[in-house]
PDB file of N, CA and C in Angstrom:
ATOM      1  N   MET A   1     103.373-143.688 -60.072  1.00  0.00           N
ATOM      2  CA  MET A   1     103.773-144.355 -58.709  1.00  0.00           C
ATOM      3  C   MET A   1     104.553-143.183 -58.207  1.00  0.00           C
ATOM      4  N   ILE A   2     104.109-142.758 -56.826  1.00  0.00           N
ATOM      5  CA  ILE A   2     104.709-141.661 -56.002  1.00  0.00           C
ATOM      6  C   ILE A   2     105.343-142.527 -54.800  1.00  0.00           C
ATOM      7  N   LEU A   3     106.360-142.301 -54.665  1.00  0.00           N
ATOM      8  CA  LEU A   3     107.233-142.686 -53.360  1.00  0.00           C
ATOM      9  C   LEU A   3     107.664-141.679 -52.531  1.00  0.00           C
ATOM     10  N   PRO A   4     106.744-141.651 -51.475  1.00  0.00           N
ATOM     11  CA  PRO A   4     107.069-140.425 -50.645  1.00  0.00           C
ATOM     12  C   PRO A   4     108.421-140.467 -49.597  1.00  0.00           C
ATOM     13  N   ILE A   5     109.429-139.606 -49.793  1.00  0.00           N
ATOM     14  CA  ILE A   5     110.548-139.911 -48.943  1.00  0.00           C
ATOM     15  C   ILE A   5     110.237-138.896 -47.579  1.00  0.00           C
ATOM     16  N   ASP A   6     109.942-137.714 -47.612  1.00  0.00           N
ATOM     17  CA  ASP A   6     109.777-137.109 -46.368  1.00  0.00           C
ATOM     18  C   ASP A   6     108.856-135.727 -46.864  1.00  0.00           C
ATOM     19  N   ASP A   7     108.720-135.008 -45.841  1.00  0.00           N
ATOM     20  CA  ASP A   7     108.093-133.632 -46.377  1.00  0.00           C
ATOM     21  C   ASP A   7     108.270-132.635 -47.601  1.00  0.00           C
ATOM     22  N   LYS A   8     109.348-132.905 -47.784  1.00  0.00           N
ATOM     23  CA  LYS A   8     110.310-132.123 -48.741  1.00  0.00           C
ATOM     24  C   LYS A   8     110.513-132.689 -49.930  1.00  0.00           C
ATOM     25  N   TRP A   9     110.754-134.047 -49.824  1.00  0.00           N
ATOM     26  CA  TRP A   9     111.036-134.845 -51.293  1.00  0.00           C
ATOM     27  C   TRP A   9     110.049-136.034 -51.410  1.00  0.00           C
ATOM     28  N   ARG A  10     110.063-136.445 -52.652  1.00  0.00           N
ATOM     29  CA  ARG A  10     109.211-137.648 -53.259  1.00  0.00           C
ATOM     30  C   ARG A  10     110.058-138.177 -54.468  1.00  0.00           C
ATOM     31  N   ILE A  11     109.371-139.215 -54.700  1.00  0.00           N
ATOM     32  CA  ILE A  11     110.101-139.671 -56.289  1.00  0.00           C
ATOM     33  C   ILE A  11     108.826-139.951 -56.852  1.00  0.00           C
ATOM     34  N   LYS A  12     108.569-139.488 -58.211  1.00  0.00           N
ATOM     35  CA  LYS A  12     107.540-139.860 -59.050  1.00  0.00           C
ATOM     36  C   LYS A  12     108.130-140.719 -60.394  1.00  0.00           C
ATOM     37  N   SER A  13     107.214-141.508 -60.829  1.00  0.00           N
ATOM     38  CA  SER A  13     107.246-141.946 -62.134  1.00  0.00           C
ATOM     39  C   SER A  13     106.226-141.719 -63.119  1.00  0.00           C
ATOM     40  N   ASP A  14     106.552-141.808 -64.104  1.00  0.00           N
ATOM     41  CA  ASP A  14     105.393-142.062 -65.356  1.00  0.00           C
ATOM     42  C   ASP A  14     105.995-143.121 -66.409  1.00  0.00           C
ATOM     43  N   ALA A  15     105.292-143.179 -67.466  1.00  0.00           N
ATOM     44  CA  ALA A  15     105.513-143.935 -68.472  1.00  0.00           C
ATOM     45  C   ALA A  15     107.202-144.323 -68.867  1.00  0.00           C
ATOM     46  N   TYR A  16     107.735-143.033 -68.647  1.00  0.00           N
ATOM     47  CA  TYR A  16     109.007-143.064 -69.455  1.00  0.00           C
ATOM     48  C   TYR A  16     110.114-142.462 -68.401  1.00  0.00           C
ATOM     49  N   GLN A  17     109.947-142.134 -67.288  1.00  0.00           N
ATOM     50  CA  GLN A  17     111.239-141.733 -66.320  1.00  0.00           C
ATOM     51  C   GLN A  17     110.785-141.807 -64.753  1.00  0.00           C
ATOM     52  N   TRP A  18     111.697-141.751 -64.029  1.00  0.00           N
ATOM     53  CA  TRP A  18     111.334-141.322 -62.659  1.00  0.00           C
ATOM     54  C   TRP A  18     112.066-139.931 -62.441  1.00  0.00           C
ATOM     55  N   MET A  19     111.242-139.164 -61.656  1.00  0.00           N
ATOM     56  CA  MET A  19     111.584-137.951 -61.214  1.00  0.00           C
ATOM     57  C   MET A  19     111.711-137.708 -59.706  1.00  0.00           C
ATOM     58  N   ILE A  20     113.139-136.698 -59.344  1.00  0.00           N
ATOM     59  CA  ILE A  20     112.750-136.538 -57.924  1.00  0.00           C
ATOM     60  C   ILE A  20     111.954-135.198 -57.930  1.00  0.00           C
ATOM     61  N   GLN A  21     111.322-135.054 -57.070  1.00  0.00           N
ATOM     62  CA  GLN A  21     110.374-133.724 -56.810  1.00  0.00           C
ATOM     63  C   GLN A  21     110.494-133.180 -55.424  1.00  0.00           C
ATOM     64  N   GLN A  22     110.641-132.008 -55.385  1.00  0.00           N
ATOM     65  CA  GLN A  22     110.550-131.164 -54.358  1.00  0.00           C
ATOM     66  C   GLN A  22     109.312-130.379 -53.980  1.00  0.00           C
ATOM     67  N   TYR A  23     108.859-130.465 -52.618  1.00  0.00           N
ATOM     68  CA  TYR A  23     107.573-129.615 -52.171  1.00  0.00           C
ATOM     69  C   TYR A  23     107.869-128.363 -52.442  1.00  0.00           C
ATOM     70  N   GLN A  24     107.071-127.474 -53.163  1.00  0.00           N
ATOM     71  CA  GLN A  24     106.846-126.123 -53.095  1.00  0.00           C
ATOM     72  C   GLN A  24     105.871-125.385 -52.464  1.00  0.00           C
ATOM     73  N   GLY A  25     105.001-126.155 -51.453  1.00  0.00           N
ATOM     74  CA  GLY A  25     104.232-125.687 -50.636  1.00  0.00           C
ATOM     75  C   GLY A  25     102.718-125.684 -51.475  1.00  0.00           C
ATOM     76  N   ILE A  26     101.571-124.987 -50.525  1.00  0.00           N
ATOM     77  CA  ILE A  26     100.522-125.061 -51.126  1.00  0.00           C
ATOM     78  C   ILE A  26      99.946-123.764 -51.404  1.00  0.00           C
ATOM     79  N   PRO A  27      99.384-123.283 -52.693  1.00  0.00           N
ATOM     80  CA  PRO A  27      99.197-122.025 -53.183  1.00  0.00           C
ATOM     81  C   PRO A  27      97.644-121.554 -52.143  1.00  0.00           C
ATOM     82  N   ASP A  28      97.510-120.428 -51.919  1.00  0.00           N
ATOM     83  CA  ASP A  28      96.286-120.123 -51.163  1.00  0.00           C
ATOM     84  C   ASP A  28      95.485-119.149 -52.276  1.00  0.00           C
ATOM     85  N   LYS A  29      95.578-119.278 -53.429  1.00  0.00           N
ATOM     86  CA  LYS A  29      94.762-118.717 -54.236  1.00  0.00           C
ATOM     87  C   LYS A  29      94.828-119.433 -55.678  1.00  0.00           C
ATOM     88  N   GLY A  30      94.220-119.107 -56.630  1.00  0.00           N
ATOM     89  CA  GLY A  30      93.980-119.741 -58.175  1.00  0.00           C
ATOM     90  C   GLY A  30      93.410-121.031 -58.307  1.00  0.00           C
ATOM     91  N   LYS A  31      93.939-121.493 -59.360  1.00  0.00           N
ATOM     92  CA  LYS A  31      93.085-122.807 -59.920  1.00  0.00           C
ATOM     93  C   LYS A  31      93.379-124.018 -58.902  1.00  0.00           C
ATOM     94  N   PHE A  32      94.629-123.954 -58.511  1.00  0.00           N
ATOM     95  CA  PHE A  32      95.130-125.030 -57.781  1.00  0.00           C
ATOM     96  C   PHE A  32      95.144-124.952 -56.044  1.00  0.00           C
ATOM     97  N   LYS A  33      94.440-124.073 -55.700  1.00  0.00           N
ATOM     98  CA  LYS A  33      94.224-123.727 -54.302  1.00  0.00           C
ATOM     99  C   LYS A  33      94.003-125.051 -53.526  1.00  0.00           C
ATOM    100  N   ASP A  34      95.041-124.897 -52.418  1.00  0.00           N
ATOM    101  CA  ASP A  34      95.008-125.925 -51.237  1.00  0.00           C
ATOM    102  C   ASP A  34      95.378-127.363 -51.993  1.00  0.00           C
ATOM    103  N   ILE A  35      95.962-127.331 -53.014  1.00  0.00           N
ATOM    104  CA  ILE A  35      96.285-128.865 -53.782  1.00  0.00           C
ATOM    105  C   ILE A  35      98.086-128.397 -53.502  1.00  0.00           C
ATOM    106  N   PRO A  36      98.890-129.356 -53.004  1.00  0.00           N
ATOM    107  CA  PRO A  36      99.953-129.354 -52.683  1.00  0.00           C
ATOM    108  C   PRO A  36     100.872-129.546 -54.184  1.00  0.00           C
ATOM    109  N   GLN A  37     101.995-128.523 -53.936  1.00  0.00           N
ATOM    110  CA  GLN A  37     102.604-128.292 -55.405  1.00  0.00           C
ATOM    111  C   GLN A  37     103.808-128.971 -55.270  1.00  0.00           C
ATOM    112  N   TRP A  38     104.335-129.816 -56.134  1.00  0.00           N
ATOM    113  CA  TRP A  38     105.496-130.323 -56.427  1.00  0.00           C
ATOM    114  C   TRP A  38     106.371-129.995 -57.841  1.00  0.00           C
ATOM    115  N   LYS A  39     107.495-129.650 -57.473  1.00  0.00           N
ATOM    116  CA  LYS A  39     108.614-129.442 -58.643  1.00  0.00           C
ATOM    117  C   LYS A  39     109.339-130.552 -58.986  1.00  0.00           C
ATOM    118  N   SER A  40     109.575-130.828 -60.173  1.00  0.00           N
ATOM    119  CA  SER A  40     110.519-132.199 -60.592  1.00  0.00           C
ATOM    120  C   SER A  40     111.914-131.331 -60.870  1.00  0.00           C
ATOM    121  N   VAL A  41     113.035-131.641 -60.129  1.00  0.00           N
ATOM    122  CA  VAL A  41     114.064-131.098 -59.981  1.00  0.00           C
ATOM    123  C   VAL A  41     115.184-132.060 -60.890  1.00  0.00           C
ATOM    124  N   ARG A  42     114.888-133.299 -61.076  1.00  0.00           N
ATOM    125  CA  ARG A  42     115.778-134.205 -61.487  1.00  0.00           C
ATOM    126  C   ARG A  42     115.343-135.442 -62.177  1.00  0.00           C
ATOM    127  N   TYR A  43     115.794-135.801 -63.341  1.00  0.00           N
ATOM    128  CA  TYR A  43     114.972-136.836 -63.698  1.00  0.00           C
ATOM    129  C   TYR A  43     116.180-137.992 -64.361  1.00  0.00           C
ATOM    130  N   TYR A  44     115.368-139.419 -64.103  1.00  0.00           N
ATOM    131  CA  TYR A  44     116.065-140.524 -64.242  1.00  0.00           C
ATOM    132  C   TYR A  44     115.654-141.914 -64.954  1.00  0.00           C
ATOM    133  N   THR A  45     116.341-142.615 -65.291  1.00  0.00           N
ATOM    134  CA  THR A  45     115.750-143.755 -66.090  1.00  0.00           C
ATOM    135  C   THR A  45     115.475-145.099 -65.506  1.00  0.00           C
ATOM    136  N   SER A  46     115.827-144.889 -64.053  1.00  0.00           N
ATOM    137  CA  SER A  46     115.475-145.917 -63.055  1.00  0.00           C
ATOM    138  C   SER A  46     115.377-145.651 -62.005  1.00  0.00           C
ATOM    139  N   LEU A  47     114.600-146.519 -60.882  1.00  0.00           N
ATOM    140  CA  LEU A  47     114.104-146.127 -59.596  1.00  0.00           C
ATOM    141  C   LEU A  47     115.904-146.105 -58.816  1.00  0.00           C
ATOM    142  N   ALA A  48     116.635-147.120 -59.013  1.00  0.00           N
ATOM    143  CA  ALA A  48     117.891-146.920 -58.105  1.00  0.00           C
ATOM    144  C   ALA A  48     118.757-145.713 -58.529  1.00  0.00           C
ATOM    145  N   LYS A  49     118.758-145.414 -60.004  1.00  0.00           N
ATOM    146  CA  LYS A  49     119.096-144.219 -60.214  1.00  0.00           C
ATOM    147  C   LYS A  49     118.781-143.105 -59.394  1.00  0.00           C
ATOM    148  N   ALA A  50     117.545-142.878 -59.586  1.00  0.00           N
ATOM    149  CA  ALA A  50     116.830-141.567 -58.808  1.00  0.00           C
ATOM    150  C   ALA A  50     117.096-141.672 -57.414  1.00  0.00           C
ATOM    151  N   VAL A  51     117.222-142.668 -56.572  1.00  0.00           N
ATOM    152  CA  VAL A  51     117.356-142.888 -55.118  1.00  0.00           C
ATOM    153  C   VAL A  51     118.894-142.188 -54.817  1.00  0.00           C
ATOM    154  N   HIS A  52     119.761-143.036 -55.842  1.00  0.00           N
ATOM    155  CA  HIS A  52     120.930-142.438 -55.695  1.00  0.00           C
ATOM    156  C   HIS A  52     121.196-141.098 -56.086  1.00  0.00           C
ATOM    157  N   GLY A  53     120.216-140.589 -57.034  1.00  0.00           N
ATOM    158  CA  GLY A  53     120.514-139.174 -57.220  1.00  0.00           C
ATOM    159  C   GLY A  53     119.842-138.114 -56.370  1.00  0.00           C
ATOM    160  N   LEU A  54     118.920-138.915 -55.562  1.00  0.00           N
ATOM    161  CA  LEU A  54     118.409-137.743 -54.446  1.00  0.00           C
ATOM    162  C   LEU A  54     119.560-137.970 -53.336  1.00  0.00           C
ATOM    163  N   ALA A  55     120.050-138.899 -52.891  1.00  0.00           N
ATOM    164  CA  ALA A  55     121.153-138.846 -51.878  1.00  0.00           C
ATOM    165  C   ALA A  55     122.202-137.887 -52.556  1.00  0.00           C
ATOM    166  N   GLU A  56     122.494-138.098 -53.758  1.00  0.00           N
ATOM    167  CA  GLU A  56     123.837-137.160 -54.158  1.00  0.00           C
ATOM    168  C   GLU A  56     123.381-135.707 -54.201  1.00  0.00           C
ATOM    169  N   TYR A  57     122.150-135.284 -54.796  1.00  0.00           N
ATOM    170  CA  TYR A  57     121.483-133.990 -54.563  1.00  0.00           C
ATOM    171  C   TYR A  57     121.448-133.456 -53.325  1.00  0.00           C
ATOM    172  N   GLU A  58     121.214-134.204 -52.448  1.00  0.00           N
ATOM    173  CA  GLU A  58     121.024-133.637 -50.787  1.00  0.00           C
ATOM    174  C   GLU A  58     122.686-133.390 -50.479  1.00  0.00           C
ATOM    175  N   LEU A  59     123.627-134.597 -50.582  1.00  0.00           N
ATOM    176  CA  LEU A  59     124.954-134.143 -50.288  1.00  0.00           C
ATOM    177  C   LEU A  59     125.653-132.722 -50.676  1.00  0.00           C
ATOM    178  N   MET A  60     125.146-133.058 -51.946  1.00  0.00           N
ATOM    179  CA  MET A  60     125.839-131.608 -52.706  1.00  0.00           C
ATOM    180  C   MET A  60     125.165-130.487 -52.522  1.00  0.00           C
ATOM    181  N   THR A  61     123.875-130.233 -51.934  1.00  0.00           N
ATOM    182  CA  THR A  61     123.447-129.080 -51.520  1.00  0.00           C
ATOM    183  C   THR A  61     123.417-128.773 -50.059  1.00  0.00           C
ATOM    184  N   SER A  62     124.255-129.759 -49.443  1.00  0.00           N
ATOM    185  CA  SER A  62     124.251-129.458 -47.925  1.00  0.00           C
ATOM    186  C   SER A  62     125.164-128.243 -47.413  1.00  0.00           C
ATOM    187  N   ASP A  63     125.351-128.174 -46.192  1.00  0.00           N
ATOM    188  CA  ASP A  63     125.931-127.074 -45.941  1.00  0.00           C
ATOM    189  C   ASP A  63     127.278-127.930 -44.827  1.00  0.00           C
ATOM    190  N   CYS A  64     127.659-128.795 -45.595  1.00  0.00           N
ATOM    191  CA  CYS A  64     129.028-129.708 -44.921  1.00  0.00           C
ATOM    192  C   CYS A  64     129.882-128.709 -45.512  1.00  0.00           C
ATOM    193  N   THR A  65     131.117-128.555 -44.653  1.00  0.00           N
ATOM    194  CA  THR A  65     132.429-127.979 -44.947  1.00  0.00           C
ATOM    195  C   THR A  65     133.458-128.660 -44.471  1.00  0.00           C
ATOM    196  N   THR A  66     133.333-129.974 -43.881  1.00  0.00           N
ATOM    197  CA  THR A  66     134.520-130.550 -43.650  1.00  0.00           C
ATOM    198  C   THR A  66     134.070-131.934 -44.144  1.00  0.00           C
ATOM    199  N   LEU A  67     135.274-133.060 -44.311  1.00  0.00           N
ATOM    200  CA  LEU A  67     134.856-134.400 -44.511  1.00  0.00           C
ATOM    201  C   LEU A  67     134.292-135.147 -43.546  1.00  0.00           C
ATOM    202  N   ALA A  68     134.434-134.800 -42.116  1.00  0.00           N
ATOM    203  CA  ALA A  68     133.557-135.437 -41.315  1.00  0.00           C
ATOM    204  C   ALA A  68     132.356-135.342 -41.153  1.00  0.00           C
ATOM    205  N   SER A  69     131.900-133.924 -41.601  1.00  0.00           N
ATOM    206  CA  SER A  69     130.620-133.384 -41.427  1.00  0.00           C
ATOM    207  C   SER A  69     129.745-133.951 -42.820  1.00  0.00           C
ATOM    208  N   ALA A  70     130.536-133.987 -44.031  1.00  0.00           N
ATOM    209  CA  ALA A  70     129.762-134.600 -45.124  1.00  0.00           C
ATOM    210  C   ALA A  70     129.649-136.374 -44.804  1.00  0.00           C
ATOM    211  N   LEU A  71     130.481-136.961 -44.011  1.00  0.00           N
ATOM    212  CA  LEU A  71     130.311-138.157 -43.830  1.00  0.00           C
ATOM    213  C   LEU A  71     128.878-138.368 -43.289  1.00  0.00           C
ATOM    214  N   ASP A  72     128.751-137.323 -41.887  1.00  0.00           N
ATOM    215  CA  ASP A  72     127.609-137.805 -41.109  1.00  0.00           C
ATOM    216  C   ASP A  72     126.399-137.358 -42.156  1.00  0.00           C
ATOM    217  N   CYS A  73     126.356-136.304 -43.006  1.00  0.00           N
ATOM    218  CA  CYS A  73     125.248-136.209 -43.923  1.00  0.00           C
ATOM    219  C   CYS A  73     125.066-137.409 -44.893  1.00  0.00           C
ATOM    220  N   VAL A  74     125.964-138.091 -45.258  1.00  0.00           N
ATOM    221  CA  VAL A  74     125.728-139.366 -46.093  1.00  0.00           C
ATOM    222  C   VAL A  74     124.994-140.377 -45.268  1.00  0.00           C
ATOM    223  N   ARG A  75     125.478-140.489 -44.049  1.00  0.00           N
ATOM    224  CA  ARG A  75     124.923-141.450 -43.219  1.00  0.00           C
ATOM    225  C   ARG A  75     123.192-141.083 -42.679  1.00  0.00           C
ATOM    226  N   ASP A  76     123.412-139.787 -42.590  1.00  0.00           N
ATOM    227  CA  ASP A  76     121.726-139.308 -42.156  1.00  0.00           C
ATOM    228  C   ASP A  76     120.786-139.402 -43.269  1.00  0.00           C
ATOM    229  N   VAL A  77     121.558-139.142 -44.806  1.00  0.00           N
ATOM    230  CA  VAL A  77     120.571-139.290 -46.099  1.00  0.00           C
ATOM    231  C   VAL A  77     120.535-140.849 -45.961  1.00  0.00           C
ATOM    232  N   SER A  78     121.541-141.684 -45.978  1.00  0.00           N
ATOM    233  CA  SER A  78     121.017-143.215 -46.323  1.00  0.00           C
ATOM    234  C   SER A  78     120.130-143.659 -45.153  1.00  0.00           C
ATOM    235  N   GLU A  79     120.354-143.409 -44.229  1.00  0.00           N
ATOM    236  CA  GLU A  79     119.011-143.979 -43.134  1.00  0.00           C
ATOM    237  C   GLU A  79     117.740-143.351 -43.365  1.00  0.00           C
ATOM    238  N   ARG A  80     117.809-142.242 -43.526  1.00  0.00           N
ATOM    239  CA  ARG A  80     116.457-141.712 -44.354  1.00  0.00           C
ATOM    240  C   ARG A  80     115.864-142.356 -45.381  1.00  0.00           C
ATOM    241  N   LEU A  81     116.340-142.150 -46.506  1.00  0.00           N
ATOM    242  CA  LEU A  81     116.236-143.096 -47.564  1.00  0.00           C
ATOM    243  C   LEU A  81     115.881-144.440 -47.275  1.00  0.00           C
ATOM    244  N   SER A  82     116.494-145.366 -46.596  1.00  0.00           N
ATOM    245  CA  SER A  82     116.216-146.599 -46.180  1.00  0.00           C
ATOM    246  C   SER A  82     115.025-146.458 -45.410  1.00  0.00           C
ATOM    247  N   MET A  83     114.701-145.792 -44.335  1.00  0.00           N
ATOM    248  CA  MET A  83     113.663-145.871 -43.853  1.00  0.00           C
ATOM    249  C   MET A  83     112.142-145.495 -44.600  1.00  0.00           C
ATOM    250  N   ALA A  84     112.347-144.892 -45.776  1.00  0.00           N
ATOM    251  CA  ALA A  84     111.265-144.250 -46.530  1.00  0.00           C
ATOM    252  C   ALA A  84     110.969-145.366 -47.335  1.00  0.00           C
ATOM    253  N   LEU A  85     111.933-145.937 -47.937  1.00  0.00           N
ATOM    254  CA  LEU A  85     111.753-147.029 -48.889  1.00  0.00           C
ATOM    255  C   LEU A  85     111.754-148.578 -48.509  1.00  0.00           C
ATOM    256  N   THR A  86     111.632-148.695 -47.212  1.00  0.00           N
ATOM    257  CA  THR A  86     111.502-150.033 -46.536  1.00  0.00           C
ATOM    258  C   THR A  86     109.839-150.133 -46.495  1.00  0.00           C
ATOM    259  N   PRO A  87     109.326-151.609 -47.065  1.00  0.00           N
ATOM    260  CA  PRO A  87     108.209-151.699 -47.033  1.00  0.00           C
ATOM    261  C   PRO A  87     107.658-152.110 -45.446  1.00  0.00           C
ATOM    262  N   HIS A  88     106.318-151.385 -45.214  1.00  0.00           N
ATOM    263  CA  HIS A  88     105.756-151.352 -44.044  1.00  0.00           C
ATOM    264  C   HIS A  88     104.472-152.149 -44.242  1.00  0.00           C
ATOM    265  N   ILE A  89     104.386-153.224 -43.275  1.00  0.00           N
ATOM    266  CA  ILE A  89     103.253-154.020 -43.319  1.00  0.00           C
ATOM    267  C   ILE A  89     102.405-154.160 -42.027  1.00  0.00           C
ATOM    268  N   GLU A  90     101.149-153.929 -42.229  1.00  0.00           N
ATOM    269  CA  GLU A  90     100.273-153.711 -40.878  1.00  0.00           C
ATOM    270  C   GLU A  90      99.387-154.845 -41.376  1.00  0.00           C
ATOM    271  N   ILE A  91      99.089-155.625 -40.401  1.00  0.00           N
ATOM    272  CA  ILE A  91      97.973-156.466 -40.130  1.00  0.00           C
ATOM    273  C   ILE A  91      96.801-156.059 -39.559  1.00  0.00           C
ATOM    274  N   LEU A  92      95.796-155.843 -39.963  1.00  0.00           N
ATOM    275  CA  LEU A  92      94.609-155.508 -39.211  1.00  0.00           C
ATOM    276  C   LEU A  92      93.453-156.533 -39.034  1.00  0.00           C
ATOM    277  N   GLY A  93      92.948-156.404 -38.098  1.00  0.00           N
ATOM    278  CA  GLY A  93      91.857-157.589 -37.550  1.00  0.00           C
ATOM    279  C   GLY A  93      92.461-158.225 -36.686  1.00  0.00           C
ATOM    280  N   GLU A  94      91.483-159.365 -36.042  1.00  0.00           N
ATOM    281  CA  GLU A  94      91.737-160.483 -35.102  1.00  0.00           C
ATOM    282  C   GLU A  94      92.633-161.642 -35.915  1.00  0.00           C
TER     283      GLU A  94
END
């Protein structure tokens, strides 16, 4: 399963774990030319822990310098994750 979060992050699973992956770009040569590359940066045993871990990772690596800016960052990350993980249903046809 792959759950896209935004252009920079996604959460991916296999049979054993959940992984937070960071976008690495598209190689312009070599075996994987033109295929987007993702790097796993953290590993978790549940989806809930992975979502929490991504929010925590983004906060820890942010450029916040005050409590107020950290709270703004928490709000922004929470809203972005909520939007990315909210099911969207589209009904086609008449």
